[in-house]
């Protein structure tokens, strides 16, 4: 428990020192510091959200890929290696227009 108290006290001390230095700095440096702090906060928040959503997005992508593979396997098509040509392309509709 003493370790946690020491860590929290150290963090509080660091925050207080940073805020004190911010007060002492001039207006231009304070604005630059505030802008850097906002950028850092936004970047860390975006990373945290991306890490939080990553497993769900990965599962969704895997499900979508499985569905596409299942649909491709069910189709009535000729397969030449990894190229799949549906039989509807071979119907006698005449030549296709290039435009």
Protein backbone atom coordinates (compact mmCIF):
# COMPACT_ATOMS: atom_id res chain seq x y z
CA UNK A 1 0.00 0.00 0.00
CA UNK A 2 2.89 2.36 0.71
CA UNK A 3 4.15 1.91 -2.85
CA UNK A 4 0.82 2.99 -4.32
CA UNK A 5 0.72 6.02 -2.01
CA UNK A 6 4.24 6.97 -3.04
CA UNK A 7 3.46 6.64 -6.75
CA UNK A 8 0.29 8.71 -6.45
CA UNK A 9 2.13 11.36 -4.42
CA UNK A 10 4.88 11.48 -7.06
CA UNK A 11 2.34 11.91 -9.84
CA UNK A 12 0.58 14.68 -7.92
CA UNK A 13 3.91 16.41 -7.29
CA UNK A 14 4.84 16.19 -10.99
CA UNK A 15 1.47 17.66 -12.01
CA UNK A 16 1.86 20.50 -9.51
CA UNK A 17 5.40 21.31 -10.75
CA UNK A 18 4.23 21.33 -14.38
CA UNK A 19 1.30 23.62 -13.54
CA UNK A 20 3.60 25.93 -11.56
CA UNK A 21 6.02 26.14 -14.49
CA UNK A 22 3.08 26.87 -16.77
CA UNK A 23 2.07 29.79 -14.54
CA UNK A 24 5.60 31.19 -14.50
CA UNK A 25 6.03 30.93 -18.30
CA UNK A 26 5.05 33.79 -20.56
CA UNK A 27 1.88 33.90 -22.62
CA UNK A 28 3.51 32.62 -25.82
CA UNK A 29 5.15 29.63 -24.11
CA UNK A 30 1.95 28.89 -22.20
CA UNK A 31 -0.03 28.80 -25.45
CA UNK A 32 2.53 26.49 -27.04
CA UNK A 33 2.49 24.25 -23.96
CA UNK A 34 -1.32 24.14 -23.95
CA UNK A 35 -1.39 23.26 -27.67
CA UNK A 36 1.17 20.49 -27.14
CA UNK A 37 -0.80 19.16 -24.17
CA UNK A 38 -4.01 19.09 -26.25
CA UNK A 39 -2.23 17.28 -29.12
CA UNK A 40 -0.78 14.74 -26.70
CA UNK A 41 -4.17 14.20 -25.04
CA UNK A 42 -5.94 13.72 -28.38
CA UNK A 43 -3.29 11.32 -29.68
CA UNK A 44 -3.29 9.22 -26.51
CA UNK A 45 -7.09 9.14 -26.48
CA UNK A 46 -7.21 8.01 -30.12
CA UNK A 47 -4.67 5.28 -29.42
CA UNK A 48 -6.65 4.09 -26.40
CA UNK A 49 -9.89 3.99 -28.39
CA UNK A 50 -8.17 2.15 -31.26
CA UNK A 51 -6.75 -0.42 -28.85
CA UNK A 52 -10.17 -0.83 -27.24
CA UNK A 53 -11.95 -1.35 -30.57
CA UNK A 54 -9.24 -3.46 -32.25
CA UNK A 55 -10.47 -6.95 -31.19
CA UNK A 56 -14.03 -6.19 -32.30
CA UNK A 57 -12.91 -4.84 -35.64
CA UNK A 58 -10.71 -7.85 -36.16
CA UNK A 59 -13.61 -10.23 -35.44
CA UNK A 60 -15.89 -8.26 -37.78
CA UNK A 61 -13.31 -8.39 -40.57
CA UNK A 62 -12.87 -12.14 -40.08
CA UNK A 63 -16.65 -12.67 -40.23
CA UNK A 64 -16.90 -10.57 -43.41
CA UNK A 65 -14.05 -12.51 -45.04
CA UNK A 66 -15.66 -15.84 -44.10
CA UNK A 67 -18.98 -14.70 -45.56
CA UNK A 68 -17.34 -13.64 -48.82
CA UNK A 69 -15.49 -16.95 -49.07
CA UNK A 70 -18.74 -18.86 -48.41
CA UNK A 71 -20.60 -16.87 -51.09
CA UNK A 72 -17.81 -17.43 -53.60
CA UNK A 73 -17.81 -21.17 -52.91
CA UNK A 74 -21.59 -21.43 -53.44
CA UNK A 75 -21.59 -19.62 -56.77
CA UNK A 76 -22.08 -21.41 -60.02
CA UNK A 77 -18.77 -20.40 -61.58
CA UNK A 78 -15.70 -21.65 -63.36
CA UNK A 79 -12.54 -21.36 -61.37
CA UNK A 80 -9.15 -21.09 -63.01
CA UNK A 81 -6.55 -20.91 -60.24
CA UNK A 82 -7.55 -17.96 -58.09
CA UNK A 83 -9.72 -16.39 -60.83
CA UNK A 84 -13.45 -17.01 -60.54
CA UNK A 85 -15.59 -16.41 -63.62
CA UNK A 86 -19.34 -16.66 -63.03
CA UNK A 87 -21.24 -18.62 -65.68
CA UNK A 88 -23.44 -15.59 -66.24
CA UNK A 89 -20.50 -14.00 -68.06
CA UNK A 90 -20.56 -16.85 -70.57
CA UNK A 91 -24.23 -16.51 -71.53
CA UNK A 92 -25.00 -15.62 -75.12
CA UNK A 93 -25.79 -11.96 -74.65
CA UNK A 94 -23.47 -10.91 -77.42
CA UNK A 95 -20.36 -8.79 -77.12
CA UNK A 96 -20.22 -6.36 -74.26
CA UNK A 97 -19.81 -2.68 -74.94
CA UNK A 98 -16.49 -1.31 -73.73
CA UNK A 99 -17.95 1.83 -72.22
